[in-house]
Amino acid sequence: MLYNKQYKWQDDLIHQVGLTFFKKDWVIKEIVYHPLKFAKRRMEDPEDDRPIRIRYFAAFVLKTTKTKERINRFKVSFRSYDKCKDIAETYGIRVDTEKNYQYDMQGLAMRNKWYILDEIYNKSLVMNEQQPILKQNET
């Protein structure tokens, strides 16, 4: 008898959580009773890149390949002052010295201005008329 009361109490609690977060009861049950299956399905979804946390276990954040490519492009642009300085100057980056150039590039990365950094990298490829500066082992 106590077993049935416990299930009723759990079902009521799951229903309340579902109402709070606008989710169906079966979704909340899956998260509660099978958290690793839920985490696996969320991590496999290519459209969803939000982090998830499993209570008392861990927090998982997936780095997308796009993020890794951007970081590698930033590293290349950061190191190749001579190739990128003319383009970077059009975006308001100080290019009088290599140190100022690198400082401003880091500032753009810190402020999440990745679109500017991507444009600098792509335009430097066009200006220099060469293959991507990225090496295969850096990707």
C-alpha atoms as a PDB file:
ATOM      1  CA  MET A   1       0.000   0.000   0.000  1.00  0.00           C
ATOM      2  CA  LEU A   2       2.790   2.401   0.867  1.00  0.00           C
ATOM      3  CA  TYR A   3       4.362   1.610  -2.480  1.00  0.00           C
ATOM      4  CA  ASN A   4       1.300   2.865  -4.377  1.00  0.00           C
ATOM      5  CA  LYS A   5       1.154   6.034  -2.260  1.00  0.00           C
ATOM      6  CA  GLN A   6       4.807   6.709  -3.024  1.00  0.00           C
ATOM      7  CA  TYR A   7       4.164   6.375  -6.765  1.00  0.00           C
ATOM      8  CA  LYS A   8       1.127   8.664  -6.498  1.00  0.00           C
ATOM      9  CA  TRP A   9       3.226  11.249  -4.673  1.00  0.00           C
ATOM     10  CA  GLN A  10       5.998  11.007  -7.294  1.00  0.00           C
ATOM     11  CA  ASP A  11       3.507  11.268 -10.151  1.00  0.00           C
ATOM     12  CA  ASP A  12       1.943  14.363  -8.571  1.00  0.00           C
ATOM     13  CA  LEU A  13       5.372  15.935  -8.129  1.00  0.00           C
ATOM     14  CA  ILE A  14       6.347  15.134 -11.729  1.00  0.00           C
ATOM     15  CA  HIS A  15       3.054  16.613 -12.918  1.00  0.00           C
ATOM     16  CA  GLN A  16       3.713  19.844 -10.959  1.00  0.00           C
ATOM     17  CA  VAL A  17       7.235  20.126 -12.410  1.00  0.00           C
ATOM     18  CA  GLY A  18       5.800  19.539 -15.896  1.00  0.00           C
ATOM     19  CA  LEU A  19       3.284  22.338 -15.393  1.00  0.00           C
ATOM     20  CA  THR A  20       6.025  24.656 -14.141  1.00  0.00           C
ATOM     21  CA  PHE A  21       8.302  24.087 -17.142  1.00  0.00           C
ATOM     22  CA  PHE A  22       5.554  23.537 -19.752  1.00  0.00           C
ATOM     23  CA  LYS A  23       6.684  19.956 -20.438  1.00  0.00           C
ATOM     24  CA  LYS A  24       4.645  16.779 -20.705  1.00  0.00           C
ATOM     25  CA  ASP A  25       4.746  14.303 -17.835  1.00  0.00           C
ATOM     26  CA  TRP A  26       6.480  11.595 -19.861  1.00  0.00           C
ATOM     27  CA  VAL A  27       9.355  13.989 -20.663  1.00  0.00           C
ATOM     28  CA  ILE A  28       9.886  14.821 -16.983  1.00  0.00           C
ATOM     29  CA  LYS A  29       9.706  11.112 -16.057  1.00  0.00           C
ATOM     30  CA  GLU A  30      12.377  10.299 -18.621  1.00  0.00           C
ATOM     31  CA  ILE A  31      14.662  13.011 -17.256  1.00  0.00           C
ATOM     32  CA  VAL A  32      14.116  11.898 -13.640  1.00  0.00           C
ATOM     33  CA  TYR A  33      14.337   8.134 -14.082  1.00  0.00           C
ATOM     34  CA  HIS A  34      16.822   7.909 -16.972  1.00  0.00           C
ATOM     35  CA  PRO A  35      19.085  10.994 -16.847  1.00  0.00           C
ATOM     36  CA  LEU A  36      21.923   9.465 -18.870  1.00  0.00           C
ATOM     37  CA  LYS A  37      19.611   8.419 -21.714  1.00  0.00           C
ATOM     38  CA  PHE A  38      18.220  11.935 -21.730  1.00  0.00           C
ATOM     39  CA  ALA A  39      21.741  13.402 -21.746  1.00  0.00           C
ATOM     40  CA  LYS A  40      22.816  11.115 -24.588  1.00  0.00           C
ATOM     41  CA  ARG A  41      19.868  12.151 -26.738  1.00  0.00           C
ATOM     42  CA  ARG A  42      20.468  15.845 -26.036  1.00  0.00           C
ATOM     43  CA  MET A  43      24.181  15.567 -26.835  1.00  0.00           C
ATOM     44  CA  GLU A  44      23.553  13.716 -30.093  1.00  0.00           C
ATOM     45  CA  ASP A  45      21.187  16.411 -31.353  1.00  0.00           C
ATOM     46  CA  PRO A  46      23.191  18.538 -33.833  1.00  0.00           C
ATOM     47  CA  GLU A  47      20.777  21.477 -33.528  1.00  0.00           C
ATOM     48  CA  ASP A  48      21.009  21.748 -29.736  1.00  0.00           C
ATOM     49  CA  ASP A  49      24.295  23.078 -28.350  1.00  0.00           C
ATOM     50  CA  ARG A  50      23.081  24.207 -24.922  1.00  0.00           C
ATOM     51  CA  PRO A  51      24.874  22.758 -21.871  1.00  0.00           C
ATOM     52  CA  ILE A  52      23.102  20.337 -19.562  1.00  0.00           C
ATOM     53  CA  ARG A  53      23.680  19.447 -15.926  1.00  0.00           C
ATOM     54  CA  ILE A  54      22.882  16.166 -14.235  1.00  0.00           C
ATOM     55  CA  ARG A  55      22.445  16.925 -10.568  1.00  0.00           C
ATOM     56  CA  TYR A  56      25.162  15.546  -8.281  1.00  0.00           C
ATOM     57  CA  PHE A  57      26.979  14.162 -11.306  1.00  0.00           C
ATOM     58  CA  ALA A  58      28.421  16.610 -13.814  1.00  0.00           C
ATOM     59  CA  ALA A  59      27.843  19.422 -16.258  1.00  0.00           C
ATOM     60  CA  PHE A  60      28.372  18.724 -19.927  1.00  0.00           C
ATOM     61  CA  VAL A  61      29.093  21.308 -22.581  1.00  0.00           C
ATOM     62  CA  LEU A  62      29.596  20.265 -26.171  1.00  0.00           C
ATOM     63  CA  LYS A  63      31.975  22.245 -28.312  1.00  0.00           C
ATOM     64  CA  THR A  64      30.688  22.281 -31.808  1.00  0.00           C
ATOM     65  CA  THR A  65      33.039  21.833 -34.720  1.00  0.00           C
ATOM     66  CA  LYS A  66      32.187  25.389 -35.745  1.00  0.00           C
ATOM     67  CA  THR A  67      33.573  26.671 -32.447  1.00  0.00           C
ATOM     68  CA  LYS A  68      36.749  24.633 -32.826  1.00  0.00           C
ATOM     69  CA  GLU A  69      37.228  25.924 -36.373  1.00  0.00           C
ATOM     70  CA  ARG A  70      36.747  29.493 -35.209  1.00  0.00           C
ATOM     71  CA  ILE A  71      39.307  29.093 -32.450  1.00  0.00           C
ATOM     72  CA  ASN A  72      41.801  27.636 -34.915  1.00  0.00           C
ATOM     73  CA  ARG A  73      41.127  30.473 -37.384  1.00  0.00           C
ATOM     74  CA  PHE A  74      41.656  32.973 -34.594  1.00  0.00           C
ATOM     75  CA  LYS A  75      44.980  31.382 -33.681  1.00  0.00           C
ATOM     76  CA  VAL A  76      46.133  31.572 -37.284  1.00  0.00           C
ATOM     77  CA  SER A  77      45.016  35.199 -37.718  1.00  0.00           C
ATOM     78  CA  PHE A  78      46.554  36.061 -34.362  1.00  0.00           C
ATOM     79  CA  ARG A  79      49.942  34.663 -35.394  1.00  0.00           C
ATOM     80  CA  SER A  80      50.012  35.970 -38.973  1.00  0.00           C
ATOM     81  CA  TYR A  81      50.380  39.703 -38.383  1.00  0.00           C
ATOM     82  CA  ASP A  82      51.995  40.413 -41.765  1.00  0.00           C
ATOM     83  CA  LYS A  83      49.241  38.700 -43.758  1.00  0.00           C
ATOM     84  CA  CYS A  84      46.245  40.085 -41.872  1.00  0.00           C
ATOM     85  CA  LYS A  85      47.284  43.585 -40.767  1.00  0.00           C
ATOM     86  CA  ASP A  86      45.907  45.438 -43.835  1.00  0.00           C
ATOM     87  CA  ILE A  87      42.492  43.830 -43.490  1.00  0.00           C
ATOM     88  CA  ALA A  88      42.418  44.180 -39.707  1.00  0.00           C
ATOM     89  CA  GLU A  89      43.075  47.906 -40.048  1.00  0.00           C
ATOM     90  CA  THR A  90      39.789  48.332 -41.953  1.00  0.00           C
ATOM     91  CA  TYR A  91      37.950  46.964 -38.892  1.00  0.00           C
ATOM     92  CA  GLY A  92      39.530  49.505 -36.550  1.00  0.00           C
ATOM     93  CA  ILE A  93      42.227  47.251 -35.135  1.00  0.00           C
ATOM     94  CA  ARG A  94      45.472  49.002 -34.284  1.00  0.00           C
ATOM     95  CA  VAL A  95      48.218  47.578 -36.479  1.00  0.00           C
ATOM     96  CA  ASP A  96      51.097  49.946 -35.711  1.00  0.00           C
ATOM     97  CA  THR A  97      52.830  47.168 -33.748  1.00  0.00           C
ATOM     98  CA  GLU A  98      52.321  43.444 -33.579  1.00  0.00           C
ATOM     99  CA  LYS A  99      51.631  43.667 -29.855  1.00  0.00           C
ATOM    100  CA  ASN A 100      48.764  46.152 -30.361  1.00  0.00           C
ATOM    101  CA  TYR A 101      47.380  43.992 -33.177  1.00  0.00           C
ATOM    102  CA  GLN A 102      47.363  40.906 -30.972  1.00  0.00           C
ATOM    103  CA  TYR A 103      45.869  42.833 -28.052  1.00  0.00           C
ATOM    104  CA  ASP A 104      42.978  44.090 -30.188  1.00  0.00           C
ATOM    105  CA  MET A 105      42.408  40.640 -31.710  1.00  0.00           C
ATOM    106  CA  GLN A 106      42.175  39.166 -28.210  1.00  0.00           C
ATOM    107  CA  GLY A 107      39.718  41.912 -27.285  1.00  0.00           C
ATOM    108  CA  LEU A 108      37.466  40.972 -30.196  1.00  0.00           C
ATOM    109  CA  ALA A 109      37.552  37.320 -29.158  1.00  0.00           C
ATOM    110  CA  MET A 110      36.730  38.215 -25.546  1.00  0.00           C
ATOM    111  CA  ARG A 111      33.744  40.288 -26.677  1.00  0.00           C
ATOM    112  CA  ASN A 112      32.531  37.414 -28.904  1.00  0.00           C
ATOM    113  CA  LYS A 113      32.967  39.401 -32.125  1.00  0.00           C
ATOM    114  CA  TRP A 114      33.685  36.204 -34.026  1.00  0.00           C
ATOM    115  CA  TYR A 115      32.098  37.457 -37.225  1.00  0.00           C
ATOM    116  CA  ILE A 116      34.801  40.139 -37.491  1.00  0.00           C
ATOM    117  CA  LEU A 117      37.567  37.623 -36.812  1.00  0.00           C
ATOM    118  CA  ASP A 118      36.085  35.245 -39.412  1.00  0.00           C
ATOM    119  CA  GLU A 119      35.952  38.033 -41.988  1.00  0.00           C
ATOM    120  CA  ILE A 120      39.563  38.982 -41.326  1.00  0.00           C
ATOM    121  CA  TYR A 121      40.636  35.376 -41.795  1.00  0.00           C
ATOM    122  CA  ASN A 122      38.566  34.853 -44.970  1.00  0.00           C
ATOM    123  CA  LYS A 123      39.627  38.144 -46.568  1.00  0.00           C
ATOM    124  CA  SER A 124      43.272  37.419 -45.816  1.00  0.00           C
ATOM    125  CA  LEU A 125      42.885  34.204 -47.822  1.00  0.00           C
ATOM    126  CA  VAL A 126      41.428  36.113 -50.766  1.00  0.00           C
ATOM    127  CA  MET A 127      44.027  38.888 -50.585  1.00  0.00           C
ATOM    128  CA  ASN A 128      46.905  36.437 -50.480  1.00  0.00           C
ATOM    129  CA  GLU A 129      45.267  34.143 -53.075  1.00  0.00           C
ATOM    130  CA  GLN A 130      46.300  30.984 -51.344  1.00  0.00           C
ATOM    131  CA  GLN A 131      44.908  27.871 -49.765  1.00  0.00           C
ATOM    132  CA  PRO A 132      43.621  28.109 -46.204  1.00  0.00           C
ATOM    133  CA  ILE A 133      46.329  28.966 -43.741  1.00  0.00           C
ATOM    134  CA  LEU A 134      44.967  26.293 -41.400  1.00  0.00           C
ATOM    135  CA  LYS A 135      46.971  23.121 -41.481  1.00  0.00           C
ATOM    136  CA  GLN A 136      45.214  19.792 -41.453  1.00  0.00           C
ATOM    137  CA  ASN A 137      46.720  18.791 -38.111  1.00  0.00           C
ATOM    138  CA  GLU A 138      45.325  21.928 -36.429  1.00  0.00           C
ATOM    139  CA  THR A 139      41.702  21.085 -37.151  1.00  0.00           C
END
